[in-house]
């Protein structure tokens, strides 16, 4: 699209530059603090009851294997909340909080 041949590492570097620019711009607007640095709701899914029910075997298995929770007797809403809580905790573990500075650890680029 740009007329330049780039490898995937350069593509990641370019996307990080855009991401960093967006973060700086958000800070200037007052929105770039840790309070606003959260993944989209949808990415912490399942986002809807229908989504959970369509893949309930998979999600119930994750409750058992990843969280050590027996899904038996829990409502879909309770199970969704458990998934969300677990995934939010995982997101928090992916960040390093150094005072006011938060560094997101990028799993591909190594930081």
C-alpha atoms as a PDB file:
ATOM      1  CA  UNK A   1       0.000   0.000   0.000  1.00  0.00           C
ATOM      2  CA  UNK A   2       2.889   2.385   0.743  1.00  0.00           C
ATOM      3  CA  UNK A   3       5.109   1.141  -2.056  1.00  0.00           C
ATOM      4  CA  UNK A   4       7.732   0.001   0.446  1.00  0.00           C
ATOM      5  CA  UNK A   5       8.578  -3.604   1.214  1.00  0.00           C
ATOM      6  CA  UNK A   6       8.659  -4.121   4.968  1.00  0.00           C
ATOM      7  CA  UNK A   7       8.928  -7.196   7.152  1.00  0.00           C
ATOM      8  CA  UNK A   8       6.648  -7.982  10.065  1.00  0.00           C
ATOM      9  CA  UNK A   9       9.096  -6.547  12.629  1.00  0.00           C
ATOM     10  CA  UNK A  10       9.085  -3.181  10.837  1.00  0.00           C
ATOM     11  CA  UNK A  11       5.305  -3.319  10.614  1.00  0.00           C
ATOM     12  CA  UNK A  12       5.158  -3.834  14.378  1.00  0.00           C
ATOM     13  CA  UNK A  13       7.603  -0.938  14.939  1.00  0.00           C
ATOM     14  CA  UNK A  14       5.472   1.334  12.774  1.00  0.00           C
ATOM     15  CA  UNK A  15       2.298   0.336  14.580  1.00  0.00           C
ATOM     16  CA  UNK A  16       4.015   0.977  17.930  1.00  0.00           C
ATOM     17  CA  UNK A  17       4.954   4.484  16.765  1.00  0.00           C
ATOM     18  CA  UNK A  18       1.320   5.170  15.878  1.00  0.00           C
ATOM     19  CA  UNK A  19       0.160   3.707  19.197  1.00  0.00           C
ATOM     20  CA  UNK A  20       2.678   5.814  21.137  1.00  0.00           C
ATOM     21  CA  UNK A  21       1.604   8.935  19.239  1.00  0.00           C
ATOM     22  CA  UNK A  22      -2.026   8.205  20.091  1.00  0.00           C
ATOM     23  CA  UNK A  23      -1.132   7.777  23.759  1.00  0.00           C
ATOM     24  CA  UNK A  24       0.773  11.079  23.868  1.00  0.00           C
ATOM     25  CA  UNK A  25      -2.110  12.835  22.136  1.00  0.00           C
ATOM     26  CA  UNK A  26      -4.566  11.281  24.619  1.00  0.00           C
ATOM     27  CA  UNK A  27      -2.393  12.529  27.510  1.00  0.00           C
ATOM     28  CA  UNK A  28      -2.538  16.041  26.085  1.00  0.00           C
ATOM     29  CA  UNK A  29      -6.336  15.744  26.069  1.00  0.00           C
ATOM     30  CA  UNK A  30      -6.370  14.439  29.637  1.00  0.00           C
ATOM     31  CA  UNK A  31      -7.310  10.857  28.774  1.00  0.00           C
ATOM     32  CA  UNK A  32      -3.972   9.056  28.738  1.00  0.00           C
ATOM     33  CA  UNK A  33      -3.730   8.128  32.403  1.00  0.00           C
ATOM     34  CA  UNK A  34      -3.844   4.585  33.777  1.00  0.00           C
ATOM     35  CA  UNK A  35      -7.506   5.048  34.604  1.00  0.00           C
ATOM     36  CA  UNK A  36      -8.265   5.094  30.861  1.00  0.00           C
ATOM     37  CA  UNK A  37      -5.742   2.419  29.847  1.00  0.00           C
ATOM     38  CA  UNK A  38      -8.052  -0.548  29.670  1.00  0.00           C
ATOM     39  CA  UNK A  39      -8.703  -3.123  26.975  1.00  0.00           C
ATOM     40  CA  UNK A  40     -12.017  -2.864  25.122  1.00  0.00           C
ATOM     41  CA  UNK A  41     -14.930  -4.598  26.843  1.00  0.00           C
ATOM     42  CA  UNK A  42     -15.368  -6.926  23.864  1.00  0.00           C
ATOM     43  CA  UNK A  43     -11.796  -8.212  24.072  1.00  0.00           C
ATOM     44  CA  UNK A  44     -12.400  -9.536  27.574  1.00  0.00           C
ATOM     45  CA  UNK A  45     -15.387 -11.589  26.369  1.00  0.00           C
ATOM     46  CA  UNK A  46     -17.612 -13.403  26.350  1.00  0.00           C
ATOM     47  CA  UNK A  47     -19.463 -10.142  25.922  1.00  0.00           C
ATOM     48  CA  UNK A  48     -23.026 -11.456  25.695  1.00  0.00           C
ATOM     49  CA  UNK A  49     -25.046 -14.282  27.155  1.00  0.00           C
ATOM     50  CA  UNK A  50     -25.647 -15.598  23.624  1.00  0.00           C
ATOM     51  CA  UNK A  51     -21.909 -15.716  22.981  1.00  0.00           C
ATOM     52  CA  UNK A  52     -21.326 -17.686  26.177  1.00  0.00           C
ATOM     53  CA  UNK A  53     -24.104 -20.136  25.391  1.00  0.00           C
ATOM     54  CA  UNK A  54     -22.834 -20.690  21.840  1.00  0.00           C
ATOM     55  CA  UNK A  55     -19.478 -21.868  23.235  1.00  0.00           C
ATOM     56  CA  UNK A  56     -20.441 -22.899  26.747  1.00  0.00           C
ATOM     57  CA  UNK A  57     -18.386 -26.123  26.677  1.00  0.00           C
ATOM     58  CA  UNK A  58     -15.228 -24.165  25.917  1.00  0.00           C
ATOM     59  CA  UNK A  59     -15.915 -21.441  28.480  1.00  0.00           C
ATOM     60  CA  UNK A  60     -16.899 -23.929  31.184  1.00  0.00           C
ATOM     61  CA  UNK A  61     -13.711 -25.872  30.502  1.00  0.00           C
ATOM     62  CA  UNK A  62     -11.685 -22.663  30.905  1.00  0.00           C
ATOM     63  CA  UNK A  63     -13.356 -22.055  34.258  1.00  0.00           C
ATOM     64  CA  UNK A  64     -12.173 -25.457  35.440  1.00  0.00           C
ATOM     65  CA  UNK A  65      -8.723 -25.581  33.853  1.00  0.00           C
ATOM     66  CA  UNK A  66      -7.560 -21.966  34.083  1.00  0.00           C
ATOM     67  CA  UNK A  67      -9.400 -20.709  37.134  1.00  0.00           C
ATOM     68  CA  UNK A  68     -10.028 -23.855  39.171  1.00  0.00           C
ATOM     69  CA  UNK A  69     -13.743 -23.058  39.442  1.00  0.00           C
ATOM     70  CA  UNK A  70     -16.550 -25.593  39.138  1.00  0.00           C
ATOM     71  CA  UNK A  71     -19.154 -24.051  36.803  1.00  0.00           C
ATOM     72  CA  UNK A  72     -21.907 -26.394  38.017  1.00  0.00           C
ATOM     73  CA  UNK A  73     -24.845 -24.496  39.516  1.00  0.00           C
ATOM     74  CA  UNK A  74     -23.647 -21.058  38.392  1.00  0.00           C
ATOM     75  CA  UNK A  75     -25.743 -18.871  36.117  1.00  0.00           C
ATOM     76  CA  UNK A  76     -24.413 -17.755  32.756  1.00  0.00           C
ATOM     77  CA  UNK A  77     -24.118 -14.218  34.120  1.00  0.00           C
ATOM     78  CA  UNK A  78     -22.029 -15.443  37.072  1.00  0.00           C
ATOM     79  CA  UNK A  79     -19.755 -17.427  34.775  1.00  0.00           C
ATOM     80  CA  UNK A  80     -19.343 -14.441  32.445  1.00  0.00           C
ATOM     81  CA  UNK A  81     -18.405 -12.255  35.426  1.00  0.00           C
ATOM     82  CA  UNK A  82     -15.820 -14.826  36.527  1.00  0.00           C
ATOM     83  CA  UNK A  83     -14.291 -14.844  33.038  1.00  0.00           C
ATOM     84  CA  UNK A  84     -14.186 -11.061  32.937  1.00  0.00           C
ATOM     85  CA  UNK A  85     -12.601 -10.832  36.378  1.00  0.00           C
ATOM     86  CA  UNK A  86      -9.965 -13.417  35.414  1.00  0.00           C
ATOM     87  CA  UNK A  87      -9.130 -11.678  32.135  1.00  0.00           C
ATOM     88  CA  UNK A  88      -8.956  -8.242  33.738  1.00  0.00           C
ATOM     89  CA  UNK A  89      -6.510  -9.692  36.252  1.00  0.00           C
ATOM     90  CA  UNK A  90      -4.464 -11.144  33.395  1.00  0.00           C
ATOM     91  CA  UNK A  91      -4.372  -7.716  31.742  1.00  0.00           C
ATOM     92  CA  UNK A  92      -3.157  -6.120  34.968  1.00  0.00           C
ATOM     93  CA  UNK A  93      -0.368  -8.699  35.141  1.00  0.00           C
ATOM     94  CA  UNK A  94       0.738  -7.699  31.622  1.00  0.00           C
ATOM     95  CA  UNK A  95       1.550  -4.198  32.809  1.00  0.00           C
ATOM     96  CA  UNK A  96       4.353  -2.850  34.902  1.00  0.00           C
ATOM     97  CA  UNK A  97       3.358   0.071  37.067  1.00  0.00           C
ATOM     98  CA  UNK A  98       6.374   2.245  37.825  1.00  0.00           C
ATOM     99  CA  UNK A  99       4.923   5.192  39.707  1.00  0.00           C
ATOM    100  CA  UNK A 100       2.914   7.259  37.244  1.00  0.00           C
ATOM    101  CA  UNK A 101       4.459   5.555  34.212  1.00  0.00           C
ATOM    102  CA  UNK A 102       2.832   2.390  32.928  1.00  0.00           C
ATOM    103  CA  UNK A 103       4.617   0.257  30.392  1.00  0.00           C
ATOM    104  CA  UNK A 104       2.592  -2.256  28.426  1.00  0.00           C
ATOM    105  CA  UNK A 105       4.576  -5.393  27.782  1.00  0.00           C
ATOM    106  CA  UNK A 106       4.083  -6.190  24.105  1.00  0.00           C
ATOM    107  CA  UNK A 107       4.124  -9.988  23.693  1.00  0.00           C
ATOM    108  CA  UNK A 108       5.576  -9.870  20.154  1.00  0.00           C
ATOM    109  CA  UNK A 109       7.938  -6.928  20.281  1.00  0.00           C
ATOM    110  CA  UNK A 110       9.152  -7.692  23.808  1.00  0.00           C
ATOM    111  CA  UNK A 111       8.182  -4.425  25.415  1.00  0.00           C
END
